[in-house]
Amino acid sequence: QMKRQGKFNQELSATEVIQNCKLTNNARNTLDLAVIRY
């Protein structure tokens, strides 16, 4: 985490989440389903 972004993952801003947390298509689909379901 420190090497990648210089801070803990929990401290990432929304913009930094987009930059440092790339999702595969399957991961994105799984998350989208959870967002809708819950």
Full PDB file with SEQRES, HELIX, SHEET, SSBOND, CRYST1, ORIGX, SCALE, CONECT and MASTER records, all heavy atoms in Angstrom:
SEQRES   1 A   38  GLN MET LYS ARG GLN GLY LYS PHE ASN GLN GLU LEU SER          
SEQRES   2 A   38  ALA THR GLU VAL ILE GLN ASN CYS LYS LEU THR ASN ASN          
SEQRES   3 A   38  ALA ARG ASN THR LEU ASP LEU ALA VAL ILE ARG TYR              
HELIX    1 AA1 MET A    2  GLN A    5  1                                   4    
HELIX    2 AA2 ASN A    9  GLU A   11  5                                   3    
HELIX    3 AA3 ALA A   14  ASN A   20  1                                   7    
HELIX    4 AA4 ASN A   25  ARG A   37  1                                  13    
CRYST1    1.000    1.000    1.000  90.00  90.00  90.00 P 1           1          
ORIGX1      1.000000  0.000000  0.000000        0.00000                         
ORIGX2      0.000000  1.000000  0.000000        0.00000                         
ORIGX3      0.000000  0.000000  1.000000        0.00000                         
SCALE1      1.000000  0.000000  0.000000        0.00000                         
SCALE2      0.000000  1.000000  0.000000        0.00000                         
SCALE3      0.000000  0.000000  1.000000        0.00000                         
ATOM      1  N   GLN A   1       0.831  -1.205   0.000  1.00  0.00           N  
ATOM      2  CA  GLN A   1       0.000   0.000   0.000  1.00  0.00           C  
ATOM      3  C   GLN A   1       0.866   1.255   0.000  1.00  0.00           C  
ATOM      4  O   GLN A   1       0.596   2.204  -0.746  1.00  0.00           O  
ATOM      5  CB  GLN A   1      -0.949  -0.017   1.201  1.00  0.00           C  
ATOM      6  CG  GLN A   1      -1.998  -1.091   1.109  1.00  0.00           C  
ATOM      7  CD  GLN A   1      -2.788  -1.273   2.386  1.00  0.00           C  
ATOM      8  OE1 GLN A   1      -2.925  -0.363   3.190  1.00  0.00           O  
ATOM      9  NE2 GLN A   1      -3.330  -2.472   2.573  1.00  0.00           N  
ATOM     10  N   MET A   2       1.897   1.272   0.815  1.00  0.00           N  
ATOM     11  CA  MET A   2       2.767   2.439   0.896  1.00  0.00           C  
ATOM     12  C   MET A   2       3.526   2.645  -0.417  1.00  0.00           C  
ATOM     13  O   MET A   2       3.684   3.779  -0.881  1.00  0.00           O  
ATOM     14  CB  MET A   2       3.745   2.321   2.066  1.00  0.00           C  
ATOM     15  CG  MET A   2       3.088   2.369   3.422  1.00  0.00           C  
ATOM     16  SD  MET A   2       2.127   3.865   3.662  1.00  0.00           S  
ATOM     17  CE  MET A   2       0.749   3.232   4.569  1.00  0.00           C  
ATOM     18  N   LYS A   3       3.963   1.557  -1.020  1.00  0.00           N  
ATOM     19  CA  LYS A   3       4.690   1.650  -2.287  1.00  0.00           C  
ATOM     20  C   LYS A   3       3.756   2.130  -3.407  1.00  0.00           C  
ATOM     21  O   LYS A   3       4.138   2.971  -4.223  1.00  0.00           O  
ATOM     22  CB  LYS A   3       5.275   0.286  -2.650  1.00  0.00           C  
ATOM     23  CG  LYS A   3       6.059   0.258  -3.940  1.00  0.00           C  
ATOM     24  CD  LYS A   3       6.615  -1.128  -4.205  1.00  0.00           C  
ATOM     25  CE  LYS A   3       7.313  -1.174  -5.549  1.00  0.00           C  
ATOM     26  NZ  LYS A   3       7.764  -2.534  -5.881  1.00  0.00           N  
ATOM     27  N   ARG A   4       2.544   1.619  -3.421  1.00  0.00           N  
ATOM     28  CA  ARG A   4       1.595   1.941  -4.485  1.00  0.00           C  
ATOM     29  C   ARG A   4       1.036   3.366  -4.369  1.00  0.00           C  
ATOM     30  O   ARG A   4       0.960   4.095  -5.336  1.00  0.00           O  
ATOM     31  CB  ARG A   4       0.456   0.916  -4.492  1.00  0.00           C  
ATOM     32  CG  ARG A   4      -0.576   1.123  -5.574  1.00  0.00           C  
ATOM     33  CD  ARG A   4      -1.664   0.052  -5.617  1.00  0.00           C  
ATOM     34  NE  ARG A   4      -2.314  -0.121  -4.341  1.00  0.00           N  
ATOM     35  CZ  ARG A   4      -2.242  -1.216  -3.593  1.00  0.00           C  
ATOM     36  NH1 ARG A   4      -1.543  -2.266  -4.001  1.00  0.00           N  
ATOM     37  NH2 ARG A   4      -2.860  -1.298  -2.434  1.00  0.00           N  
ATOM     38  N   GLN A   5       0.622   3.755  -3.138  1.00  0.00           N  
ATOM     39  CA  GLN A   5      -0.111   5.018  -3.016  1.00  0.00           C  
ATOM     40  C   GLN A   5       0.333   5.890  -1.855  1.00  0.00           C  
ATOM     41  O   GLN A   5      -0.190   6.981  -1.661  1.00  0.00           O  
ATOM     42  CB  GLN A   5      -1.614   4.725  -2.896  1.00  0.00           C  
ATOM     43  CG  GLN A   5      -1.997   4.012  -1.632  1.00  0.00           C  
ATOM     44  CD  GLN A   5      -2.817   2.745  -1.837  1.00  0.00           C  
ATOM     45  OE1 GLN A   5      -3.035   2.300  -2.950  1.00  0.00           O  
ATOM     46  NE2 GLN A   5      -3.268   2.170  -0.754  1.00  0.00           N  
ATOM     47  N   GLY A   6       1.271   5.417  -1.034  1.00  0.00           N  
ATOM     48  CA  GLY A   6       1.783   6.236   0.064  1.00  0.00           C  
ATOM     49  C   GLY A   6       0.859   6.368   1.257  1.00  0.00           C  
ATOM     50  O   GLY A   6       1.081   7.219   2.113  1.00  0.00           O  
ATOM     51  N   LYS A   7      -0.178   5.561   1.329  1.00  0.00           N  
ATOM     52  CA  LYS A   7      -1.121   5.586   2.451  1.00  0.00           C  
ATOM     53  C   LYS A   7      -1.896   4.278   2.484  1.00  0.00           C  
ATOM     54  O   LYS A   7      -1.853   3.494   1.538  1.00  0.00           O  
ATOM     55  CB  LYS A   7      -2.067   6.770   2.363  1.00  0.00           C  
ATOM     56  CG  LYS A   7      -2.906   6.808   1.099  1.00  0.00           C  
ATOM     57  CD  LYS A   7      -3.944   7.914   1.098  1.00  0.00           C  
ATOM     58  CE  LYS A   7      -3.381   9.196   0.569  1.00  0.00           C  
ATOM     59  NZ  LYS A   7      -4.396  10.240   0.392  1.00  0.00           N  
ATOM     60  N   PHE A   8      -2.609   4.073   3.591  1.00  0.00           N  
ATOM     61  CA  PHE A   8      -3.435   2.877   3.723  1.00  0.00           C  
ATOM     62  C   PHE A   8      -4.619   2.939   2.763  1.00  0.00           C  
ATOM     63  O   PHE A   8      -5.106   4.030   2.428  1.00  0.00           O  
ATOM     64  CB  PHE A   8      -3.965   2.720   5.156  1.00  0.00           C  
ATOM     65  CG  PHE A   8      -2.891   2.496   6.179  1.00  0.00           C  
ATOM     66  CD1 PHE A   8      -2.673   3.432   7.168  1.00  0.00           C  
ATOM     67  CD2 PHE A   8      -2.105   1.359   6.151  1.00  0.00           C  
ATOM     68  CE1 PHE A   8      -1.688   3.239   8.122  1.00  0.00           C  
ATOM     69  CE2 PHE A   8      -1.117   1.153   7.089  1.00  0.00           C  
ATOM     70  CZ  PHE A   8      -0.916   2.096   8.088  1.00  0.00           C  
ATOM     71  N   ASN A   9      -5.116   1.780   2.345  1.00  0.00           N  
ATOM     72  CA  ASN A   9      -6.256   1.732   1.437  1.00  0.00           C  
ATOM     73  C   ASN A   9      -7.466   2.476   2.004  1.00  0.00           C  
ATOM     74  O   ASN A   9      -8.190   3.141   1.266  1.00  0.00           O  
ATOM     75  CB  ASN A   9      -6.646   0.281   1.130  1.00  0.00           C  
ATOM     76  CG  ASN A   9      -5.581  -0.439   0.334  1.00  0.00           C  
ATOM     77  OD1 ASN A   9      -4.798   0.171  -0.381  1.00  0.00           O  
ATOM     78  ND2 ASN A   9      -5.535  -1.754   0.463  1.00  0.00           N  
ATOM     79  N   GLN A  10      -7.706   2.361   3.298  1.00  0.00           N  
ATOM     80  CA  GLN A  10      -8.868   2.994   3.917  1.00  0.00           C  
ATOM     81  C   GLN A  10      -8.808   4.524   3.823  1.00  0.00           C  
ATOM     82  O   GLN A  10      -9.826   5.186   3.888  1.00  0.00           O  
ATOM     83  CB  GLN A  10      -8.999   2.553   5.381  1.00  0.00           C  
ATOM     84  CG  GLN A  10     -10.281   2.988   6.044  1.00  0.00           C  
ATOM     85  CD  GLN A  10     -11.530   2.466   5.338  1.00  0.00           C  
ATOM     86  OE1 GLN A  10     -11.554   1.366   4.809  1.00  0.00           O  
ATOM     87  NE2 GLN A  10     -12.577   3.261   5.335  1.00  0.00           N  
ATOM     88  N   GLU A  11      -7.623   5.065   3.632  1.00  0.00           N  
ATOM     89  CA  GLU A  11      -7.450   6.519   3.566  1.00  0.00           C  
ATOM     90  C   GLU A  11      -7.599   7.080   2.152  1.00  0.00           C  
ATOM     91  O   GLU A  11      -7.516   8.287   1.956  1.00  0.00           O  
ATOM     92  CB  GLU A  11      -6.074   6.894   4.113  1.00  0.00           C  
ATOM     93  CG  GLU A  11      -5.886   6.520   5.568  1.00  0.00           C  
ATOM     94  CD  GLU A  11      -4.453   6.684   6.046  1.00  0.00           C  
ATOM     95  OE1 GLU A  11      -3.523   6.712   5.201  1.00  0.00           O  
ATOM     96  OE2 GLU A  11      -4.256   6.775   7.259  1.00  0.00           O  
ATOM     97  N   LEU A  12      -7.838   6.217   1.172  1.00  0.00           N  
ATOM     98  CA  LEU A  12      -7.932   6.667  -0.208  1.00  0.00           C  
ATOM     99  C   LEU A  12      -9.193   7.495  -0.439  1.00  0.00           C  
ATOM    100  O   LEU A  12     -10.279   7.132  -0.003  1.00  0.00           O  
ATOM    101  CB  LEU A  12      -7.956   5.465  -1.164  1.00  0.00           C  
ATOM    102  CG  LEU A  12      -6.700   4.605  -1.230  1.00  0.00           C  
ATOM    103  CD1 LEU A  12      -6.938   3.385  -2.100  1.00  0.00           C  
ATOM    104  CD2 LEU A  12      -5.516   5.404  -1.728  1.00  0.00           C  
ATOM    105  N   SER A  13      -9.040   8.603  -1.149  1.00  0.00           N  
ATOM    106  CA  SER A  13     -10.197   9.413  -1.549  1.00  0.00           C  
ATOM    107  C   SER A  13     -10.914   8.698  -2.693  1.00  0.00           C  
ATOM    108  O   SER A  13     -10.403   7.712  -3.248  1.00  0.00           O  
ATOM    109  CB  SER A  13      -9.727  10.791  -2.018  1.00  0.00           C  
ATOM    110  OG  SER A  13      -9.011  10.662  -3.243  1.00  0.00           O  
ATOM    111  N   ALA A  14     -12.063   9.214  -3.088  1.00  0.00           N  
ATOM    112  CA  ALA A  14     -12.819   8.606  -4.184  1.00  0.00           C  
ATOM    113  C   ALA A  14     -11.992   8.578  -5.473  1.00  0.00           C  
ATOM    114  O   ALA A  14     -11.981   7.578  -6.194  1.00  0.00           O  
ATOM    115  CB  ALA A  14     -14.126   9.360  -4.399  1.00  0.00           C  
ATOM    116  N   THR A  15     -11.280   9.657  -5.749  1.00  0.00           N  
ATOM    117  CA  THR A  15     -10.428   9.713  -6.940  1.00  0.00           C  
ATOM    118  C   THR A  15      -9.301   8.691  -6.847  1.00  0.00           C  
ATOM    119  O   THR A  15      -8.985   8.016  -7.829  1.00  0.00           O  
ATOM    120  CB  THR A  15      -9.836  11.126  -7.112  1.00  0.00           C  
ATOM    121  OG1 THR A  15     -10.915  12.060  -7.180  1.00  0.00           O  
ATOM    122  CG2 THR A  15      -8.990  11.229  -8.361  1.00  0.00           C  
ATOM    123  N   GLU A  16      -8.704   8.577  -5.675  1.00  0.00           N  
ATOM    124  CA  GLU A  16      -7.606   7.622  -5.480  1.00  0.00           C  
ATOM    125  C   GLU A  16      -8.099   6.181  -5.557  1.00  0.00           C  
ATOM    126  O   GLU A  16      -7.363   5.303  -6.003  1.00  0.00           O  
ATOM    127  CB  GLU A  16      -6.916   7.886  -4.145  1.00  0.00           C  
ATOM    128  CG  GLU A  16      -6.153   9.192  -4.126  1.00  0.00           C  
ATOM    129  CD  GLU A  16      -5.684   9.590  -2.742  1.00  0.00           C  
ATOM    130  OE1 GLU A  16      -6.387   9.294  -1.737  1.00  0.00           O  
ATOM    131  OE2 GLU A  16      -4.620  10.223  -2.652  1.00  0.00           O  
ATOM    132  N   VAL A  17      -9.336   5.929  -5.163  1.00  0.00           N  
ATOM    133  CA  VAL A  17      -9.903   4.582  -5.289  1.00  0.00           C  
ATOM    134  C   VAL A  17      -9.951   4.209  -6.767  1.00  0.00           C  
ATOM    135  O   VAL A  17      -9.559   3.108  -7.156  1.00  0.00           O  
ATOM    136  CB  VAL A  17     -11.314   4.494  -4.651  1.00  0.00           C  
ATOM    137  CG1 VAL A  17     -12.018   3.212  -5.060  1.00  0.00           C  
ATOM    138  CG2 VAL A  17     -11.220   4.573  -3.139  1.00  0.00           C  
ATOM    139  N   ILE A  18     -10.398   5.137  -7.596  1.00  0.00           N  
ATOM    140  CA  ILE A  18     -10.471   4.885  -9.041  1.00  0.00           C  
ATOM    141  C   ILE A  18      -9.079   4.618  -9.612  1.00  0.00           C  
ATOM    142  O   ILE A  18      -8.887   3.720 -10.425  1.00  0.00           O  
ATOM    143  CB  ILE A  18     -11.152   6.070  -9.764  1.00  0.00           C  
ATOM    144  CG1 ILE A  18     -12.618   6.157  -9.344  1.00  0.00           C  
ATOM    145  CG2 ILE A  18     -11.027   5.936 -11.281  1.00  0.00           C  
ATOM    146  CD1 ILE A  18     -13.306   7.445  -9.737  1.00  0.00           C  
ATOM    147  N   GLN A  19      -8.071   5.360  -9.158  1.00  0.00           N  
ATOM    148  CA  GLN A  19      -6.708   5.225  -9.672  1.00  0.00           C  
ATOM    149  C   GLN A  19      -6.032   3.936  -9.201  1.00  0.00           C  
ATOM    150  O   GLN A  19      -5.291   3.319  -9.956  1.00  0.00           O  
ATOM    151  CB  GLN A  19      -5.855   6.411  -9.226  1.00  0.00           C  
ATOM    152  CG  GLN A  19      -6.258   7.728  -9.827  1.00  0.00           C  
ATOM    153  CD  GLN A  19      -5.546   8.904  -9.169  1.00  0.00           C  
ATOM    154  OE1 GLN A  19      -4.932   8.773  -8.115  1.00  0.00           O  
ATOM    155  NE2 GLN A  19      -5.646  10.066  -9.800  1.00  0.00           N  
ATOM    156  N   ASN A  20      -6.252   3.551  -7.934  1.00  0.00           N  
ATOM    157  CA  ASN A  20      -5.481   2.467  -7.328  1.00  0.00           C  
ATOM    158  C   ASN A  20      -6.229   1.151  -7.167  1.00  0.00           C  
ATOM    159  O   ASN A  20      -5.625   0.162  -6.754  1.00  0.00           O  
ATOM    160  CB  ASN A  20      -4.980   2.910  -5.949  1.00  0.00           C  
ATOM    161  CG  ASN A  20      -4.003   4.052  -6.047  1.00  0.00           C  
ATOM    162  OD1 ASN A  20      -2.933   3.915  -6.602  1.00  0.00           O  
ATOM    163  ND2 ASN A  20      -4.398   5.203  -5.535  1.00  0.00           N  
ATOM    164  N   CYS A  21      -7.504   1.137  -7.474  1.00  0.00           N  
ATOM    165  CA  CYS A  21      -8.318  -0.065  -7.244  1.00  0.00           C  
ATOM    166  C   CYS A  21      -9.023  -0.478  -8.524  1.00  0.00           C  
ATOM    167  O   CYS A  21     -10.251  -0.413  -8.630  1.00  0.00           O  
ATOM    168  CB  CYS A  21      -9.321   0.186  -6.127  1.00  0.00           C  
ATOM    169  SG  CYS A  21      -8.582   0.691  -4.563  1.00  0.00           S  
ATOM    170  N   LYS A  22      -8.257  -0.903  -9.498  1.00  0.00           N  
ATOM    171  CA  LYS A  22      -8.826  -1.353 -10.775  1.00  0.00           C  
ATOM    172  C   LYS A  22      -9.529  -2.692 -10.562  1.00  0.00           C  
ATOM    173  O   LYS A  22      -9.021  -3.570  -9.865  1.00  0.00           O  
ATOM    174  CB  LYS A  22      -7.732  -1.519 -11.825  1.00  0.00           C  
ATOM    175  CG  LYS A  22      -6.882  -0.291 -12.045  1.00  0.00           C  
ATOM    176  CD  LYS A  22      -7.640   0.795 -12.750  1.00  0.00           C  
ATOM    177  CE  LYS A  22      -6.711   1.957 -13.058  1.00  0.00           C  
ATOM    178  NZ  LYS A  22      -7.365   3.213 -13.098  1.00  0.00           N  
ATOM    179  N   LEU A  23     -10.706  -2.827 -11.186  1.00  0.00           N  
ATOM    180  CA  LEU A  23     -11.503  -4.048 -11.055  1.00  0.00           C  
ATOM    181  C   LEU A  23     -11.553  -4.796 -12.378  1.00  0.00           C  
ATOM    182  O   LEU A  23     -11.660  -4.175 -13.440  1.00  0.00           O  
ATOM    183  CB  LEU A  23     -12.941  -3.708 -10.642  1.00  0.00           C  
ATOM    184  CG  LEU A  23     -13.159  -2.842  -9.405  1.00  0.00           C  
ATOM    185  CD1 LEU A  23     -14.650  -2.587  -9.204  1.00  0.00           C  
ATOM    186  CD2 LEU A  23     -12.574  -3.498  -8.180  1.00  0.00           C  
ATOM    187  N   THR A  24     -11.518  -6.128 -12.308  1.00  0.00           N  
ATOM    188  CA  THR A  24     -11.783  -6.918 -13.499  1.00  0.00           C  
ATOM    189  C   THR A  24     -13.267  -6.776 -13.820  1.00  0.00           C  
ATOM    190  O   THR A  24     -14.060  -6.332 -12.968  1.00  0.00           O  
ATOM    191  CB  THR A  24     -11.444  -8.404 -13.286  1.00  0.00           C  
ATOM    192  OG1 THR A  24     -12.323  -8.936 -12.277  1.00  0.00           O  
ATOM    193  CG2 THR A  24      -9.981  -8.609 -12.903  1.00  0.00           C  
ATOM    194  N   ASN A  25     -13.662  -7.146 -15.027  1.00  0.00           N  
ATOM    195  CA  ASN A  25     -15.083  -7.072 -15.396  1.00  0.00           C  
ATOM    196  C   ASN A  25     -15.941  -7.930 -14.473  1.00  0.00           C  
ATOM    197  O   ASN A  25     -17.033  -7.516 -14.077  1.00  0.00           O  
ATOM    198  CB  ASN A  25     -15.280  -7.490 -16.853  1.00  0.00           C  
ATOM    199  CG  ASN A  25     -14.740  -6.456 -17.826  1.00  0.00           C  
ATOM    200  OD1 ASN A  25     -14.627  -5.274 -17.490  1.00  0.00           O  
ATOM    201  ND2 ASN A  25     -14.399  -6.894 -19.021  1.00  0.00           N  
ATOM    202  N   ASN A  26     -15.452  -9.131 -14.129  1.00  0.00           N  
ATOM    203  CA  ASN A  26     -16.212 -10.007 -13.234  1.00  0.00           C  
ATOM    204  C   ASN A  26     -16.365  -9.396 -11.838  1.00  0.00           C  
ATOM    205  O   ASN A  26     -17.426  -9.496 -11.226  1.00  0.00           O  
ATOM    206  CB  ASN A  26     -15.556 -11.388 -13.130  1.00  0.00           C  
ATOM    207  CG  ASN A  26     -15.745 -12.205 -14.389  1.00  0.00           C  
ATOM    208  OD1 ASN A  26     -16.636 -11.935 -15.192  1.00  0.00           O  
ATOM    209  ND2 ASN A  26     -14.894 -13.198 -14.568  1.00  0.00           N  
ATOM    210  N   ALA A  27     -15.310  -8.768 -11.337  1.00  0.00           N  
ATOM    211  CA  ALA A  27     -15.382  -8.114 -10.023  1.00  0.00           C  
ATOM    212  C   ALA A  27     -16.372  -6.954 -10.058  1.00  0.00           C  
ATOM    213  O   ALA A  27     -17.161  -6.770  -9.133  1.00  0.00           O  
ATOM    214  CB  ALA A  27     -14.000  -7.636  -9.589  1.00  0.00           C  
ATOM    215  N   ARG A  28     -16.336  -6.168 -11.129  1.00  0.00           N  
ATOM    216  CA  ARG A  28     -17.268  -5.040 -11.268  1.00  0.00           C  
ATOM    217  C   ARG A  28     -18.709  -5.531 -11.309  1.00  0.00           C  
ATOM    218  O   ARG A  28     -19.589  -4.966 -10.674  1.00  0.00           O  
ATOM    219  CB  ARG A  28     -16.921  -4.270 -12.550  1.00  0.00           C  
ATOM    220  CG  ARG A  28     -17.816  -3.078 -12.818  1.00  0.00           C  
ATOM    221  CD  ARG A  28     -17.380  -1.893 -11.995  1.00  0.00           C  
ATOM    222  NE  ARG A  28     -18.370  -1.616 -10.989  1.00  0.00           N  
ATOM    223  CZ  ARG A  28     -18.257  -0.696 -10.057  1.00  0.00           C  
ATOM    224  NH1 ARG A  28     -17.181   0.048  -9.970  1.00  0.00           N  
ATOM    225  NH2 ARG A  28     -19.180  -0.500  -9.175  1.00  0.00           N  
ATOM    226  N   ASN A  29     -18.957  -6.608 -12.081  1.00  0.00           N  
ATOM    227  CA  ASN A  29     -20.303  -7.169 -12.173  1.00  0.00           C  
ATOM    228  C   ASN A  29     -20.779  -7.674 -10.817  1.00  0.00           C  
ATOM    229  O   ASN A  29     -21.933  -7.478 -10.441  1.00  0.00           O  
ATOM    230  CB  ASN A  29     -20.357  -8.294 -13.202  1.00  0.00           C  
ATOM    231  CG  ASN A  29     -20.174  -7.792 -14.613  1.00  0.00           C  
ATOM    232  OD1 ASN A  29     -20.390  -6.615 -14.910  1.00  0.00           O  
ATOM    233  ND2 ASN A  29     -19.759  -8.677 -15.505  1.00  0.00           N  
ATOM    234  N   THR A  30     -19.890  -8.332 -10.072  1.00  0.00           N  
ATOM    235  CA  THR A  30     -20.238  -8.845  -8.742  1.00  0.00           C  
ATOM    236  C   THR A  30     -20.594  -7.696  -7.813  1.00  0.00           C  
ATOM    237  O   THR A  30     -21.585  -7.763  -7.081  1.00  0.00           O  
ATOM    238  CB  THR A  30     -19.057  -9.657  -8.165  1.00  0.00           C  
ATOM    239  OG1 THR A  30     -18.800 -10.762  -9.027  1.00  0.00           O  
ATOM    240  CG2 THR A  30     -19.350 -10.163  -6.772  1.00  0.00           C  
ATOM    241  N   LEU A  31     -19.800  -6.632  -7.846  1.00  0.00           N  
ATOM    242  CA  LEU A  31     -20.079  -5.472  -7.005  1.00  0.00           C  
ATOM    243  C   LEU A  31     -21.385  -4.797  -7.418  1.00  0.00           C  
ATOM    244  O   LEU A  31     -22.204  -4.436  -6.567  1.00  0.00           O  
ATOM    245  CB  LEU A  31     -18.925  -4.473  -7.066  1.00  0.00           C  
ATOM    246  CG  LEU A  31     -19.101  -3.189  -6.251  1.00  0.00           C  
ATOM    247  CD1 LEU A  31     -19.318  -3.503  -4.769  1.00  0.00           C  
ATOM    248  CD2 LEU A  31     -17.894  -2.285  -6.435  1.00  0.00           C  
ATOM    249  N   ASP A  32     -21.610  -4.637  -8.720  1.00  0.00           N  
ATOM    250  CA  ASP A  32     -22.848  -4.014  -9.196  1.00  0.00           C  
ATOM    251  C   ASP A  32     -24.076  -4.792  -8.734  1.00  0.00           C  
ATOM    252  O   ASP A  32     -25.084  -4.198  -8.331  1.00  0.00           O  
ATOM    253  CB  ASP A  32     -22.845  -3.893 -10.722  1.00  0.00           C  
ATOM    254  CG  ASP A  32     -21.861  -2.845 -11.231  1.00  0.00           C  
ATOM    255  OD1 ASP A  32     -21.401  -2.016 -10.421  1.00  0.00           O  
ATOM    256  OD2 ASP A  32     -21.547  -2.875 -12.438  1.00  0.00           O  
ATOM    257  N   LEU A  33     -23.997  -6.116  -8.778  1.00  0.00           N  
ATOM    258  CA  LEU A  33     -25.114  -6.940  -8.308  1.00  0.00           C  
ATOM    259  C   LEU A  33     -25.354  -6.747  -6.813  1.00  0.00           C  
ATOM    260  O   LEU A  33     -26.498  -6.675  -6.368  1.00  0.00           O  
ATOM    261  CB  LEU A  33     -24.852  -8.421  -8.615  1.00  0.00           C  
ATOM    262  CG  LEU A  33     -24.971  -8.829 -10.086  1.00  0.00           C  
ATOM    263  CD1 LEU A  33     -24.500 -10.269 -10.278  1.00  0.00           C  
ATOM    264  CD2 LEU A  33     -26.390  -8.647 -10.588  1.00  0.00           C  
ATOM    265  N   ALA A  34     -24.276  -6.649  -6.042  1.00  0.00           N  
ATOM    266  CA  ALA A  34     -24.406  -6.431  -4.588  1.00  0.00           C  
ATOM    267  C   ALA A  34     -25.013  -5.066  -4.300  1.00  0.00           C  
ATOM    268  O   ALA A  34     -25.859  -4.933  -3.405  1.00  0.00           O  
ATOM    269  CB  ALA A  34     -23.044  -6.571  -3.900  1.00  0.00           C  
ATOM    270  N   VAL A  35     -24.610  -4.057  -5.057  1.00  0.00           N  
ATOM    271  CA  VAL A  35     -25.146  -2.709  -4.871  1.00  0.00           C  
ATOM    272  C   VAL A  35     -26.657  -2.711  -5.108  1.00  0.00           C  
ATOM    273  O   VAL A  35     -27.429  -2.150  -4.322  1.00  0.00           O  
ATOM    274  CB  VAL A  35     -24.447  -1.689  -5.809  1.00  0.00           C  
ATOM    275  CG1 VAL A  35     -25.188  -0.378  -5.868  1.00  0.00           C  
ATOM    276  CG2 VAL A  35     -23.006  -1.475  -5.357  1.00  0.00           C  
ATOM    277  N   ILE A  36     -27.075  -3.375  -6.167  1.00  0.00           N  
ATOM    278  CA  ILE A  36     -28.509  -3.454  -6.488  1.00  0.00           C  
ATOM    279  C   ILE A  36     -29.247  -4.306  -5.455  1.00  0.00           C  
ATOM    280  O   ILE A  36     -30.279  -3.894  -4.922  1.00  0.00           O  
ATOM    281  CB  ILE A  36     -28.710  -4.023  -7.907  1.00  0.00           C  
ATOM    282  CG1 ILE A  36     -28.195  -3.016  -8.947  1.00  0.00           C  
ATOM    283  CG2 ILE A  36     -30.183  -4.352  -8.156  1.00  0.00           C  
ATOM    284  CD1 ILE A  36     -28.045  -3.591 -10.335  1.00  0.00           C  
ATOM    285  N   ARG A  37     -28.698  -5.473  -5.152  1.00  0.00           N  
ATOM    286  CA  ARG A  37     -29.370  -6.422  -4.250  1.00  0.00           C  
ATOM    287  C   ARG A  37     -29.558  -5.848  -2.846  1.00  0.00           C  
ATOM    288  O   ARG A  37     -30.597  -6.013  -2.231  1.00  0.00           O  
ATOM    289  CB  ARG A  37     -28.570  -7.714  -4.172  1.00  0.00           C  
ATOM    290  CG  ARG A  37     -29.206  -8.767  -3.305  1.00  0.00           C  
ATOM    291  CD  ARG A  37     -28.424 -10.050  -3.345  1.00  0.00           C  
ATOM    292  NE  ARG A  37     -29.084 -11.068  -2.549  1.00  0.00           N  
ATOM    293  CZ  ARG A  37     -28.578 -12.244  -2.290  1.00  0.00           C  
ATOM    294  NH1 ARG A  37     -27.399 -12.573  -2.769  1.00  0.00           N  
ATOM    295  NH2 ARG A  37     -29.223 -13.110  -1.557  1.00  0.00           N  
ATOM    296  N   TYR A  38     -28.534  -5.171  -2.330  1.00  0.00           N  
ATOM    297  CA  TYR A  38     -28.574  -4.698  -0.951  1.00  0.00           C  
ATOM    298  C   TYR A  38     -28.842  -3.198  -0.839  1.00  0.00           C  
ATOM    299  O   TYR A  38     -28.860  -2.664   0.256  1.00  0.00           O  
ATOM    300  CB  TYR A  38     -27.269  -5.047  -0.234  1.00  0.00           C  
ATOM    301  CG  TYR A  38     -26.957  -6.526  -0.291  1.00  0.00           C  
ATOM    302  CD1 TYR A  38     -25.782  -6.976  -0.865  1.00  0.00           C  
ATOM    303  CD2 TYR A  38     -27.855  -7.468   0.202  1.00  0.00           C  
ATOM    304  CE1 TYR A  38     -25.498  -8.333  -0.931  1.00  0.00           C  
ATOM    305  CE2 TYR A  38     -27.572  -8.815   0.128  1.00  0.00           C  
ATOM    306  CZ  TYR A  38     -26.394  -9.241  -0.440  1.00  0.00           C  
ATOM    307  OH  TYR A  38     -26.126 -10.581  -0.511  1.00  0.00           O  
TER     308      TYR A  38                                                      
MASTER        0    0    0    4    0    0    0    6  307    1    0    3          
END                                                                             
